[in-house]
Amino acid sequence: MSAVSSELERIFALGLQAASTESRRALLERECGANAELISELEQLFAATEVRGDFLDTGVFRPLVMRSSAENEPVWTLAKADSPGTSVREGASRFLQDENSTFTGAMIGRYRRFRVLGDGRMGSVWLAQLDEPFAPKVAIKVLSTAKQSPEFIARFEAERMTLARLNHPGIARILDGGVDTDGSPYFVMEYVQGSSLIKYCNENTLSLSARWRLFQDVCRAIQYAHRQRVIHRDLKPSNILVQDVDGRPTPRIIDFGVSLSLESERAVATEAEHLITGTLM
């Protein structure tokens, strides 16, 4: 096992023992430091446990066991199940793929799902399309069944209402919304087919002046949102996608899931459940 995999498994095991979302986030910031990639991987693992609480009992892993370290301190680790060569990362990835494959091709409202674009704390984002000829592809955000408490539904609805208010070429628009037959709320956004900001800049070896123009475009979109009294509280490179429009790189801001509407002067999320990337604050 590589040092990175071992460290990931160690922190994941510790995180499963966290008493709250806030304490888990503090743990990630303390253990991972500025390693945003490691934090992202761990968040995906924790998302697997939130999609279905029995993730660790699905045959990939047995429950946690406690052993003693060389210093006789208790250390929580994962006991492998019937697949001794399976890492935590591989197991969670396989689990999420199996879970999501159940819905691939299924309808949600008037839309047919194709594949998962991403999994997060609040739910999954799917590539989908209206079930009719020549319809454009869209992105559908579906609230996780594990998150369908009144508080999370309120947060999900707040995100939908926030996006509905914003109409700017630099911000992904909301197109539709509703409740699926199983009671899961969802909303439909335009699908932005592009690369994250840093990835686009590096892959296309953009000059400093070209990067500066992209940054200015992002600032204009954020300024527009602020004028609508909306703050995006998790603005980071992975939430800015760049696509070529008429031969010009154009940034689009996505994921206002932790936005704050200043009109209401309150956040739906409580202080204990802020969904902000700590290393980029």
Protein backbone atom coordinates (compact mmCIF):
# COMPACT_ATOMS: atom_id res chain seq x y z
CA MET A 1 0.00 0.00 0.00
CA SER A 2 1.39 3.45 -0.90
CA ALA A 3 2.03 6.08 1.76
CA VAL A 4 -0.76 8.23 0.27
CA SER A 5 -3.30 5.38 0.39
CA SER A 6 -2.28 4.52 3.94
CA GLU A 7 -2.68 8.13 5.04
CA LEU A 8 -6.07 8.40 3.31
CA GLU A 9 -7.32 5.26 5.06
CA ARG A 10 -6.04 6.49 8.42
CA ILE A 11 -7.81 9.85 8.15
CA PHE A 12 -10.96 8.24 6.75
CA ALA A 13 -11.12 5.91 9.74
CA LEU A 14 -10.72 8.85 12.11
CA GLY A 15 -13.37 10.85 10.26
CA LEU A 16 -15.93 8.09 10.64
CA GLN A 17 -15.63 8.53 14.40
CA ALA A 18 -16.26 12.30 14.26
CA ALA A 19 -19.27 13.35 16.30
CA SER A 20 -20.45 16.03 13.87
CA THR A 21 -19.89 17.52 10.42
CA GLU A 22 -18.03 20.41 12.05
CA SER A 23 -15.62 18.15 13.94
CA ARG A 24 -15.01 16.08 10.79
CA ARG A 25 -14.20 19.23 8.82
CA ALA A 26 -11.81 20.36 11.56
CA LEU A 27 -10.18 16.93 11.41
CA LEU A 28 -9.68 17.16 7.63
CA GLU A 29 -8.14 20.61 7.89
CA ARG A 30 -5.86 19.51 10.70
CA GLU A 31 -4.74 16.21 9.14
CA CYS A 32 -4.64 17.21 5.46
CA GLY A 33 -3.32 20.75 5.74
CA ALA A 34 -3.29 22.39 2.30
CA ASN A 35 -3.61 19.08 0.41
CA ALA A 36 -6.84 19.92 -1.43
CA GLU A 37 -6.68 16.71 -3.50
CA LEU A 38 -6.60 14.52 -0.39
CA ILE A 39 -9.47 16.49 1.16
CA SER A 40 -11.51 16.05 -2.02
CA GLU A 41 -10.92 12.28 -2.05
CA LEU A 42 -11.88 11.96 1.60
CA GLU A 43 -15.05 14.00 1.06
CA GLN A 44 -16.04 11.56 -1.70
CA LEU A 45 -15.52 8.66 0.69
CA PHE A 46 -17.67 10.31 3.33
CA ALA A 47 -20.26 11.03 0.65
CA ALA A 48 -20.47 7.28 0.05
CA THR A 49 -21.38 6.72 3.68
CA GLU A 50 -24.03 9.43 3.40
CA VAL A 51 -25.54 7.99 0.22
CA ARG A 52 -26.14 4.79 2.14
CA GLY A 53 -25.33 4.37 5.79
CA ASP A 54 -24.37 0.70 5.45
CA PHE A 55 -21.57 1.44 2.97
CA LEU A 56 -18.96 -0.21 5.20
CA ASP A 57 -21.07 -3.36 5.51
CA THR A 58 -21.66 -3.92 1.78
CA GLY A 59 -18.95 -6.56 1.45
CA VAL A 60 -16.16 -4.11 0.69
CA PHE A 61 -15.17 -3.58 4.34
CA ARG A 62 -16.10 -4.88 7.72
CA PRO A 63 -16.76 -2.40 10.55
CA LEU A 64 -13.96 -0.43 12.13
CA VAL A 65 -11.63 -2.14 14.56
CA MET A 66 -9.37 -0.56 17.15
CA ARG A 67 -5.76 -1.57 17.61
CA SER A 68 -2.91 -0.15 19.66
CA SER A 69 -0.07 1.80 18.15
CA ALA A 70 3.54 1.45 19.16
CA GLU A 71 2.89 4.13 21.76
CA ASN A 72 -0.14 2.16 23.04
CA GLU A 73 -2.48 4.86 21.80
CA PRO A 74 -5.81 3.62 20.36
CA VAL A 75 -5.84 3.89 16.57
CA TRP A 76 -8.95 3.28 14.46
CA THR A 77 -8.34 1.38 11.25
CA LEU A 78 -10.42 -0.44 8.65
CA ALA A 79 -10.57 -4.21 8.62
CA LYS A 80 -10.67 -5.49 5.05
CA ALA A 81 -13.46 -7.87 4.14
CA ASP A 82 -13.28 -10.59 1.48
CA SER A 83 -11.17 -8.50 -0.91
CA PRO A 84 -7.76 -8.16 0.76
CA GLY A 85 -6.35 -6.24 -2.19
CA THR A 86 -9.07 -3.57 -2.14
CA SER A 87 -8.19 -0.12 -0.83
CA VAL A 88 -10.68 2.22 0.80
CA ARG A 89 -10.50 4.47 -2.25
CA GLU A 90 -11.20 1.60 -4.67
CA GLY A 91 -13.99 0.26 -2.50
CA ALA A 92 -15.80 3.59 -2.24
CA SER A 93 -15.38 4.26 -5.95
CA ARG A 94 -16.80 0.84 -6.80
CA PHE A 95 -19.64 1.31 -4.32
CA LEU A 96 -20.67 4.70 -5.74
CA GLN A 97 -20.49 3.37 -9.30
CA ASP A 98 -22.71 0.42 -8.36
CA GLU A 99 -25.17 2.68 -6.55
CA ASN A 100 -25.40 5.16 -9.42
CA SER A 101 -25.55 2.49 -12.14
CA THR A 102 -28.97 1.55 -10.75
CA PHE A 103 -30.30 4.91 -11.95
CA THR A 104 -28.43 5.17 -15.26
CA GLY A 105 -31.00 5.41 -18.04
CA ALA A 106 -33.83 5.94 -15.56
CA MET A 107 -36.18 8.90 -15.82
CA ILE A 108 -36.33 11.76 -13.36
CA GLY A 109 -39.27 13.97 -14.17
CA ARG A 110 -39.16 14.52 -17.93
CA TYR A 111 -35.43 13.81 -18.14
CA ARG A 112 -33.41 10.66 -18.79
CA ARG A 113 -30.21 10.20 -16.78
CA PHE A 114 -26.98 9.25 -18.58
CA ARG A 115 -24.11 9.32 -16.12
CA VAL A 116 -23.00 10.90 -12.87
CA LEU A 117 -21.03 14.12 -13.22
CA GLY A 118 -20.26 14.39 -9.53
CA ASP A 119 -21.20 13.35 -6.00
CA GLY A 120 -21.22 15.73 -3.07
CA ARG A 121 -22.49 16.11 0.46
CA MET A 122 -25.95 17.21 -0.64
CA GLY A 123 -26.51 14.84 -3.54
CA SER A 124 -25.51 13.78 -7.04
CA VAL A 125 -25.26 15.75 -10.26
CA TRP A 126 -26.30 13.85 -13.40
CA LEU A 127 -25.82 14.43 -17.09
CA ALA A 128 -29.32 14.11 -18.53
CA GLN A 129 -31.56 15.08 -21.44
CA LEU A 130 -35.22 15.72 -22.10
CA ASP A 131 -36.73 12.52 -23.46
CA GLU A 132 -37.34 14.01 -26.89
CA PRO A 133 -35.33 14.40 -30.13
CA PHE A 134 -32.62 17.08 -30.40
CA ALA A 135 -33.01 18.24 -26.80
CA PRO A 136 -29.82 19.72 -25.31
CA LYS A 137 -28.00 17.93 -22.52
CA VAL A 138 -28.50 19.32 -19.03
CA ALA A 139 -27.12 18.81 -15.54
CA ILE A 140 -29.59 17.65 -12.89
CA LYS A 141 -28.84 17.99 -9.21
CA VAL A 142 -30.74 15.43 -7.09
CA LEU A 143 -30.87 15.66 -3.31
CA SER A 144 -29.43 12.56 -1.63
CA THR A 145 -32.02 10.36 0.09
CA ALA A 146 -29.80 10.47 3.17
CA LYS A 147 -30.16 14.27 3.23
CA GLN A 148 -33.91 14.62 2.93
CA SER A 149 -34.38 16.23 6.32
CA PRO A 150 -36.39 19.49 6.53
CA GLU A 151 -33.14 21.44 6.99
CA PHE A 152 -31.42 20.02 3.91
CA ILE A 153 -34.54 20.29 1.78
CA ALA A 154 -34.74 23.95 2.78
CA ARG A 155 -31.09 24.42 1.81
CA PHE A 156 -31.65 22.65 -1.50
CA GLU A 157 -34.68 24.83 -2.25
CA ALA A 158 -32.68 27.92 -1.30
CA GLU A 159 -30.03 26.97 -3.86
CA ARG A 160 -32.68 26.50 -6.53
CA MET A 161 -34.27 29.88 -5.78
CA THR A 162 -30.87 31.57 -5.71
CA LEU A 163 -29.90 30.21 -9.13
CA ALA A 164 -33.30 31.16 -10.55
CA ARG A 165 -32.59 34.79 -9.69
CA LEU A 166 -29.27 34.91 -11.52
CA ASN A 167 -29.13 35.58 -15.24
CA HIS A 168 -25.58 36.23 -16.39
CA PRO A 169 -23.43 34.67 -19.15
CA GLY A 170 -20.77 33.85 -16.58
CA ILE A 171 -23.11 31.86 -14.30
CA ALA A 172 -24.70 28.48 -15.10
CA ARG A 173 -28.48 29.01 -15.33
CA ILE A 174 -31.28 27.00 -13.79
CA LEU A 175 -33.81 25.67 -16.31
CA ASP A 176 -36.32 23.52 -14.45
CA GLY A 177 -37.03 21.75 -11.19
CA GLY A 178 -39.41 19.43 -9.40
CA VAL A 179 -39.81 16.38 -7.18
CA ASP A 180 -39.13 12.84 -8.42
CA THR A 181 -41.59 9.98 -7.93
CA ASP A 182 -39.64 8.81 -4.86
CA GLY A 183 -39.96 12.26 -3.30
CA SER A 184 -36.41 13.42 -4.10
CA PRO A 185 -36.23 17.15 -4.97
CA TYR A 186 -34.17 18.04 -8.03
CA PHE A 187 -33.41 20.97 -10.25
CA VAL A 188 -32.13 21.20 -13.79
CA MET A 189 -29.22 23.42 -14.81
CA GLU A 190 -27.59 24.08 -18.12
CA TYR A 191 -24.74 21.68 -18.74
CA VAL A 192 -21.39 23.44 -18.93
CA GLN A 193 -19.01 21.26 -20.93
CA GLY A 194 -15.64 22.59 -19.94
CA SER A 195 -12.54 22.15 -17.80
CA SER A 196 -11.88 23.60 -14.38
CA LEU A 197 -10.15 26.96 -14.37
CA ILE A 198 -6.65 25.81 -13.43
CA LYS A 199 -6.80 22.70 -15.62
CA TYR A 200 -7.87 24.76 -18.65
CA CYS A 201 -5.12 27.33 -18.10
CA ASN A 202 -2.43 24.69 -17.73
CA GLU A 203 -3.57 22.43 -20.57
CA ASN A 204 -3.76 25.37 -22.97
CA THR A 205 -0.59 27.03 -21.62
CA LEU A 206 -2.37 30.37 -21.38
CA SER A 207 -0.23 33.46 -21.11
CA LEU A 208 -0.39 35.68 -18.05
CA SER A 209 -2.49 38.24 -19.92
CA ALA A 210 -4.97 35.54 -21.05
CA ARG A 211 -5.28 34.29 -17.47
CA TRP A 212 -5.83 37.85 -16.31
CA ARG A 213 -8.70 38.25 -18.80
CA LEU A 214 -10.32 35.07 -17.46
CA PHE A 215 -9.96 36.38 -13.93
CA GLN A 216 -11.63 39.64 -14.94
CA ASP A 217 -14.54 37.72 -16.47
CA VAL A 218 -14.97 35.76 -13.25
CA CYS A 219 -14.92 39.00 -11.25
CA ARG A 220 -17.65 40.49 -13.47
CA ALA A 221 -19.88 37.46 -12.90
CA ILE A 222 -19.30 37.59 -9.14
CA GLN A 223 -19.94 41.33 -9.13
CA TYR A 224 -23.27 40.68 -10.85
CA ALA A 225 -24.19 38.10 -8.19
CA HIS A 226 -23.27 40.55 -5.44
CA ARG A 227 -25.50 43.18 -7.01
CA GLN A 228 -28.29 40.63 -6.79
CA ARG A 229 -27.36 40.36 -3.09
CA VAL A 230 -26.05 36.82 -3.47
CA ILE A 231 -22.68 35.61 -2.19
CA HIS A 232 -21.06 32.41 -3.46
CA ARG A 233 -19.39 31.11 -0.31
CA ASP A 234 -17.34 28.35 -1.91
CA LEU A 235 -15.78 30.04 -4.90
CA LYS A 236 -12.76 28.00 -5.99
CA PRO A 237 -11.10 26.89 -9.27
CA SER A 238 -13.08 23.62 -9.46
CA ASN A 239 -16.34 25.61 -9.32
CA ILE A 240 -15.29 27.68 -12.34
CA LEU A 241 -15.51 25.82 -15.65
CA VAL A 242 -14.01 27.23 -18.83
CA GLN A 243 -15.39 26.49 -22.28
CA ASP A 244 -14.55 27.91 -25.69
CA VAL A 245 -17.27 30.21 -27.01
CA ASP A 246 -16.64 31.56 -30.53
CA GLY A 247 -12.97 30.75 -30.12
CA ARG A 248 -12.65 32.60 -26.83
CA PRO A 249 -12.20 30.94 -23.42
CA THR A 250 -15.25 31.81 -21.33
CA PRO A 251 -15.54 31.02 -17.61
CA ARG A 252 -18.83 29.83 -16.09
CA ILE A 253 -19.41 29.70 -12.34
CA ILE A 254 -21.25 26.66 -10.98
CA ASP A 255 -22.42 25.28 -7.62
CA PHE A 256 -24.11 27.99 -5.62
CA GLY A 257 -24.99 25.29 -3.07
CA VAL A 258 -23.47 27.30 -0.25
CA SER A 259 -24.64 30.70 -1.49
CA LEU A 260 -26.04 33.22 0.94
CA SER A 261 -28.93 35.50 0.00
CA LEU A 262 -28.40 38.82 1.76
CA GLU A 263 -32.06 39.72 1.30
CA SER A 264 -33.12 37.12 3.82
CA GLU A 265 -30.13 38.01 6.05
CA ARG A 266 -29.80 34.41 7.13
CA ALA A 267 -28.13 31.26 5.90
CA VAL A 268 -30.18 28.10 5.65
CA ALA A 269 -27.09 26.19 6.74
CA THR A 270 -26.21 26.39 10.42
CA GLU A 271 -22.74 27.31 11.61
CA ALA A 272 -22.11 23.64 12.32
CA GLU A 273 -22.86 22.64 8.75
CA HIS A 274 -21.06 25.19 6.57
CA LEU A 275 -20.11 23.46 3.34
CA ILE A 276 -17.05 25.55 2.56
CA THR A 277 -13.66 24.31 1.38
CA GLY A 278 -11.49 25.22 4.35
CA THR A 279 -8.14 25.28 2.55
CA LEU A 280 -9.41 27.99 0.18
CA MET A 281 -10.97 30.30 2.78
